[in-house]
Protein backbone atom coordinates (compact mmCIF):
# COMPACT_ATOMS: atom_id res chain seq x y z
CA UNK A 1 12.17 7.28 6.71
CA UNK A 2 13.64 10.55 7.98
CA UNK A 3 13.42 12.17 4.49
CA UNK A 4 9.69 11.58 4.31
CA UNK A 5 8.63 15.13 5.29
CA UNK A 6 10.14 17.03 2.36
CA UNK A 7 8.91 14.50 -0.18
CA UNK A 8 5.35 14.68 1.09
CA UNK A 9 5.34 18.49 1.12
CA UNK A 10 6.18 18.43 -2.60
CA UNK A 11 3.29 16.01 -3.09
CA UNK A 12 0.87 18.67 -1.82
CA UNK A 13 1.72 20.92 -4.76
CA UNK A 14 1.02 18.23 -7.32
CA UNK A 15 -2.01 16.65 -5.68
CA UNK A 16 -3.97 19.65 -4.42
CA UNK A 17 -5.21 21.12 -7.70
CA UNK A 18 -7.19 18.14 -9.09
CA UNK A 19 -8.84 17.55 -5.72
CA UNK A 20 -9.98 21.16 -5.39
CA UNK A 21 -11.25 21.33 -8.97
CA UNK A 22 -13.51 18.33 -8.37
CA UNK A 23 -14.62 19.30 -4.86
CA UNK A 24 -18.18 18.24 -5.59
CA UNK A 25 -16.96 14.64 -5.90
CA UNK A 26 -16.16 12.69 -2.74
CA UNK A 27 -12.35 12.53 -2.51
CA UNK A 28 -10.68 9.18 -2.90
CA UNK A 29 -8.81 7.67 0.03
CA UNK A 30 -5.14 8.40 -0.37
CA UNK A 31 -2.11 6.73 1.10
CA UNK A 32 1.50 7.81 1.29
CA UNK A 33 3.81 4.83 0.90
CA UNK A 34 7.38 4.99 2.13
CA UNK A 35 9.40 1.98 1.04
CA UNK A 36 12.78 0.72 2.22
CA UNK A 37 14.55 -1.94 0.13
CA UNK A 38 16.38 -3.77 2.89
CA UNK A 39 19.61 -5.74 2.44
CA UNK A 40 18.87 -9.44 3.06
CA UNK A 41 21.84 -9.65 5.44
CA UNK A 42 20.53 -6.68 7.46
CA UNK A 43 16.88 -7.68 7.92
CA UNK A 44 17.40 -8.64 11.57
CA UNK A 45 19.18 -5.37 12.38
CA UNK A 46 16.59 -3.35 10.47
CA UNK A 47 13.64 -4.86 12.33
CA UNK A 48 15.44 -4.46 15.66
CA UNK A 49 15.95 -0.73 15.03
CA UNK A 50 12.39 -0.35 13.75
CA UNK A 51 11.00 -1.99 16.89
CA UNK A 52 13.16 0.42 18.93
CA UNK A 53 11.53 3.31 17.05
CA UNK A 54 8.06 1.87 17.61
CA UNK A 55 8.88 1.51 21.30
CA UNK A 56 9.61 5.23 21.52
CA UNK A 57 6.45 6.08 19.57
CA UNK A 58 4.40 4.01 22.01
CA UNK A 59 6.22 5.39 25.04
CA UNK A 60 5.29 8.96 24.14
CA UNK A 61 2.05 8.09 22.29
CA UNK A 62 3.06 10.24 19.31
CA UNK A 63 -0.11 11.38 17.56
CA UNK A 64 1.40 12.58 14.27
CA UNK A 65 2.58 9.11 13.22
CA UNK A 66 0.26 6.34 12.02
CA UNK A 67 1.25 3.50 9.70
CA UNK A 68 0.69 -0.08 8.65
CA UNK A 69 3.70 -2.11 7.49
CA UNK A 70 3.88 -4.66 4.70
CA UNK A 71 6.90 -6.79 3.86
CA UNK A 72 7.34 -8.51 0.51
CA UNK A 73 9.26 -11.73 0.00
CA UNK A 74 12.19 -9.75 -1.48
CA UNK A 75 12.53 -7.65 1.70
CA UNK A 76 10.79 -4.44 0.66
CA UNK A 77 9.27 -2.87 3.75
CA UNK A 78 6.43 -0.45 2.97
CA UNK A 79 4.95 1.99 5.46
CA UNK A 80 1.33 2.59 4.49
CA UNK A 81 0.11 5.91 5.88
CA UNK A 82 -3.54 6.94 5.45
CA UNK A 83 -3.98 10.62 4.61
CA UNK A 84 -7.17 12.24 5.91
CA UNK A 85 -6.51 15.70 4.50
CA UNK A 86 -3.86 17.34 2.38
CA UNK A 87 -2.69 19.50 5.28
CA UNK A 88 -1.44 16.30 6.96
CA UNK A 89 1.36 16.22 4.40
CA UNK A 90 2.75 19.58 5.47
CA UNK A 91 4.11 18.22 8.73
CA UNK A 92 7.30 16.70 10.04
CA UNK A 93 5.74 13.50 11.31
CA UNK A 94 8.62 12.90 13.71
CA UNK A 95 8.83 16.41 15.18
CA UNK A 96 6.96 15.44 18.35
CA UNK A 97 9.19 12.42 18.88
CA UNK A 98 12.30 14.53 18.26
CA UNK A 99 11.20 16.94 21.00
CA UNK A 100 10.40 14.17 23.47
CA UNK A 101 13.30 11.86 22.74
CA UNK A 102 15.93 14.38 21.71
CA UNK A 103 17.05 15.26 18.20
CA UNK A 104 20.50 13.64 18.50
CA UNK A 105 19.10 10.36 19.77
CA UNK A 106 16.48 10.19 17.00
CA UNK A 107 19.02 11.13 14.32
CA UNK A 108 21.31 8.37 15.57
CA UNK A 109 18.48 5.84 15.26
CA UNK A 110 17.77 6.85 11.66
CA UNK A 111 21.49 6.81 10.81
CA UNK A 112 21.68 3.21 12.01
CA UNK A 113 18.56 2.36 10.01
CA UNK A 114 20.01 3.96 6.85
CA UNK A 115 22.80 1.38 6.83
CA UNK A 116 20.28 -1.44 6.49
CA UNK A 117 18.80 -0.67 3.06
CA UNK A 118 20.08 -0.08 -0.46
CA UNK A 119 17.40 2.39 -1.56
CA UNK A 120 14.24 4.04 -0.32
CA UNK A 121 11.56 6.40 -1.55
CA UNK A 122 8.06 7.71 -1.11
CA UNK A 123 5.06 7.75 -3.43
CA UNK A 124 1.30 7.99 -3.24
CA UNK A 125 -1.56 5.70 -4.24
CA UNK A 126 -5.34 6.07 -4.19
CA UNK A 127 -7.91 3.45 -3.26
CA UNK A 128 -10.28 2.82 -6.17
CA UNK A 129 -13.31 1.79 -4.14
CA UNK A 130 -15.59 1.24 -7.13
CA UNK A 131 -13.13 -1.31 -8.52
CA UNK A 132 -12.71 -3.24 -5.26
CA UNK A 133 -14.51 -6.51 -4.67
CA UNK A 134 -14.94 -6.81 -0.91
CA UNK A 135 -18.61 -7.66 -0.19
CA UNK A 136 -18.09 -7.46 3.58
CA UNK A 137 -16.51 -4.00 3.47
CA UNK A 138 -13.18 -2.55 2.44
CA UNK A 139 -10.34 -2.81 4.93
CA UNK A 140 -6.54 -2.82 4.62
CA UNK A 141 -6.05 -5.26 7.48
CA UNK A 142 -8.32 -8.26 7.97
CA UNK A 143 -7.95 -10.24 11.17
CA UNK A 144 -6.41 -13.66 10.59
CA UNK A 145 -5.48 -12.88 6.97
CA UNK A 146 -1.90 -11.53 7.01
CA UNK A 147 -0.71 -13.08 3.74
CA UNK A 148 -0.75 -10.81 0.70
CA UNK A 149 -0.62 -11.29 -3.07
CA UNK A 150 -0.02 -8.16 -5.14
CA UNK A 151 -0.90 -7.99 -8.84
CA UNK A 152 0.40 -5.02 -10.82
CA UNK A 153 -1.32 -4.17 -14.09
CA UNK A 154 0.68 -1.49 -15.91
CA UNK A 155 -0.75 0.32 -18.92
CA UNK A 156 0.22 3.01 -21.38
CA UNK A 157 -1.70 6.33 -21.23
CA UNK A 158 -3.77 5.41 -24.29
CA UNK A 159 -4.97 2.17 -22.68
CA UNK A 160 -5.33 3.19 -19.05
CA UNK A 161 -9.03 4.02 -19.24
CA UNK A 162 -9.80 0.74 -20.98
CA UNK A 163 -7.79 -1.10 -18.34
CA UNK A 164 -10.05 0.49 -15.74
CA UNK A 165 -13.20 -0.55 -17.60
CA UNK A 166 -11.98 -4.13 -17.94
CA UNK A 167 -11.14 -4.13 -14.24
CA UNK A 168 -14.70 -3.10 -13.43
CA UNK A 169 -15.93 -5.96 -15.59
CA UNK A 170 -13.89 -8.40 -13.48
CA UNK A 171 -15.43 -7.03 -10.31
CA UNK A 172 -18.95 -7.38 -11.69
CA UNK A 173 -18.27 -10.92 -12.87
CA UNK A 174 -16.79 -11.98 -9.53
CA UNK A 175 -19.79 -10.49 -7.76
CA UNK A 176 -22.19 -12.40 -10.04
CA UNK A 177 -20.41 -15.65 -9.15
CA UNK A 178 -20.11 -14.81 -5.44
CA UNK A 179 -16.37 -15.41 -5.71
CA UNK A 180 -14.45 -16.00 -2.48
CA UNK A 181 -11.42 -14.15 -3.87
CA UNK A 182 -11.92 -10.68 -2.40
CA UNK A 183 -9.57 -7.86 -3.35
CA UNK A 184 -8.76 -4.17 -3.15
CA UNK A 185 -7.60 -2.01 -6.06
CA UNK A 186 -5.21 0.94 -5.85
CA UNK A 187 -4.08 3.35 -8.55
CA UNK A 188 -0.54 4.67 -8.83
CA UNK A 189 -0.07 8.34 -8.02
CA UNK A 190 2.49 11.03 -7.28
CA UNK A 191 6.09 9.83 -7.13
CA UNK A 192 5.67 7.08 -9.72
CA UNK A 193 6.52 7.42 -13.41
CA UNK A 194 4.64 4.33 -14.55
CA UNK A 195 0.85 4.07 -14.40
CA UNK A 196 -0.71 0.96 -12.95
CA UNK A 197 -3.52 -0.58 -10.95
CA UNK A 198 -2.45 -2.74 -8.04
CA UNK A 199 -4.80 -5.53 -6.97
CA UNK A 200 -4.27 -6.85 -3.44
CA UNK A 201 -5.65 -10.18 -2.20
CA UNK A 202 -5.54 -11.23 1.47
CA UNK A 203 -5.34 -14.80 2.75
CA UNK A 204 -4.36 -16.76 5.84
CA UNK A 205 -1.18 -18.10 4.22
CA UNK A 206 0.26 -19.24 0.89
CA UNK A 207 -1.43 -22.63 1.05
CA UNK A 208 -4.85 -21.10 1.76
CA UNK A 209 -4.44 -18.68 -1.11
CA UNK A 210 -3.46 -21.46 -3.53
CA UNK A 211 -6.58 -23.41 -2.56
CA UNK A 212 -8.81 -20.32 -2.92
CA UNK A 213 -7.32 -19.61 -6.33
CA UNK A 214 -7.88 -23.19 -7.49
CA UNK A 215 -11.52 -23.15 -6.36
CA UNK A 216 -12.05 -19.72 -7.93
CA UNK A 217 -10.81 -20.81 -11.35
CA UNK A 218 -13.26 -23.71 -11.27
CA UNK A 219 -16.04 -21.33 -10.20
CA UNK A 220 -15.51 -18.71 -12.92
CA UNK A 221 -14.94 -21.23 -15.73
CA UNK A 222 -14.04 -20.38 -19.32
CA UNK A 223 -16.21 -17.26 -19.35
CA UNK A 224 -14.39 -15.87 -16.33
CA UNK A 225 -11.02 -16.64 -17.86
CA UNK A 226 -12.03 -14.58 -20.88
CA UNK A 227 -12.95 -11.66 -18.62
CA UNK A 228 -9.52 -11.89 -16.97
CA UNK A 229 -7.75 -12.15 -20.32
CA UNK A 230 -9.53 -9.01 -21.50
CA UNK A 231 -7.70 -7.13 -18.74
CA UNK A 232 -4.36 -8.42 -20.01
CA UNK A 233 -5.21 -7.19 -23.51
CA UNK A 234 -4.72 -3.62 -22.25
CA UNK A 235 -1.81 -4.38 -19.91
CA UNK A 236 1.70 -3.32 -20.96
CA UNK A 237 3.45 -5.06 -18.05
CA UNK A 238 2.20 -7.55 -15.49
CA UNK A 239 3.89 -8.35 -12.17
CA UNK A 240 3.05 -10.36 -9.07
CA UNK A 241 4.58 -10.22 -5.60
CA UNK A 242 3.82 -11.93 -2.34
CA UNK A 243 4.25 -10.63 1.18
CA UNK A 244 2.84 -10.22 4.66
CA UNK A 245 1.12 -7.58 6.73
CA UNK A 246 3.43 -7.00 9.67
CA UNK A 247 1.15 -5.98 12.51
CA UNK A 248 4.09 -6.36 14.90
CA UNK A 249 5.83 -3.50 13.09
CA UNK A 250 2.81 -1.22 12.72
CA UNK A 251 2.12 1.87 14.82
CA UNK A 252 -1.28 3.38 15.58
CA UNK A 253 -1.44 6.03 18.32
CA UNK A 254 -3.86 5.77 21.20
CA UNK A 255 -6.46 8.54 21.07
């Protein structure tokens, strides 16, 4: 996590131009994602150190840090950080904590954390609100629904626009059927070579999701299956992952 500042500053250079050139259009919600791929044998140590960090953030009510945390079944921990404005990226998000806690003590914490993962990195995604199907309003965290299913639809540059159009068709079809499978859609951004749309579904747990999925397939019928298959026609690679929102590892400062 400690290398996050320099990576995000570079992101400003790449992301600023298209946003300025289309200033008349409402900007999309952006998120910086920092991901640690944690060693299975070190998960306990990693979470212990992370909770220590969160304890310090709470103790000093650090205002420059704000993140959700998701954990996938293969122990990838992702810090989801909403970005309100591009200037937010040009900050050392832990500078306040370093001043309060002491640089040596904070560096020691991150050094211990570094030993717990095999790789880490930072990238950006944008929320594609017009592709989301959430009739009750779009939200990352829904109370009582911590379980997550992630669908990745990769596409080549020549097919990416068609993938988007087919995704919109799915949304419209689900809306017409009043489907109970609600989802958010994000587009890959800076820091990622491959281009994809990520569809995220929330549920209470794995069993609840399986039941919702079963009922949804009955609801949409053969016509709905065709709509879904049309998406796959423009998909170069398809992946699914499961995970959890970890509210116990999140940090949101008190205002």
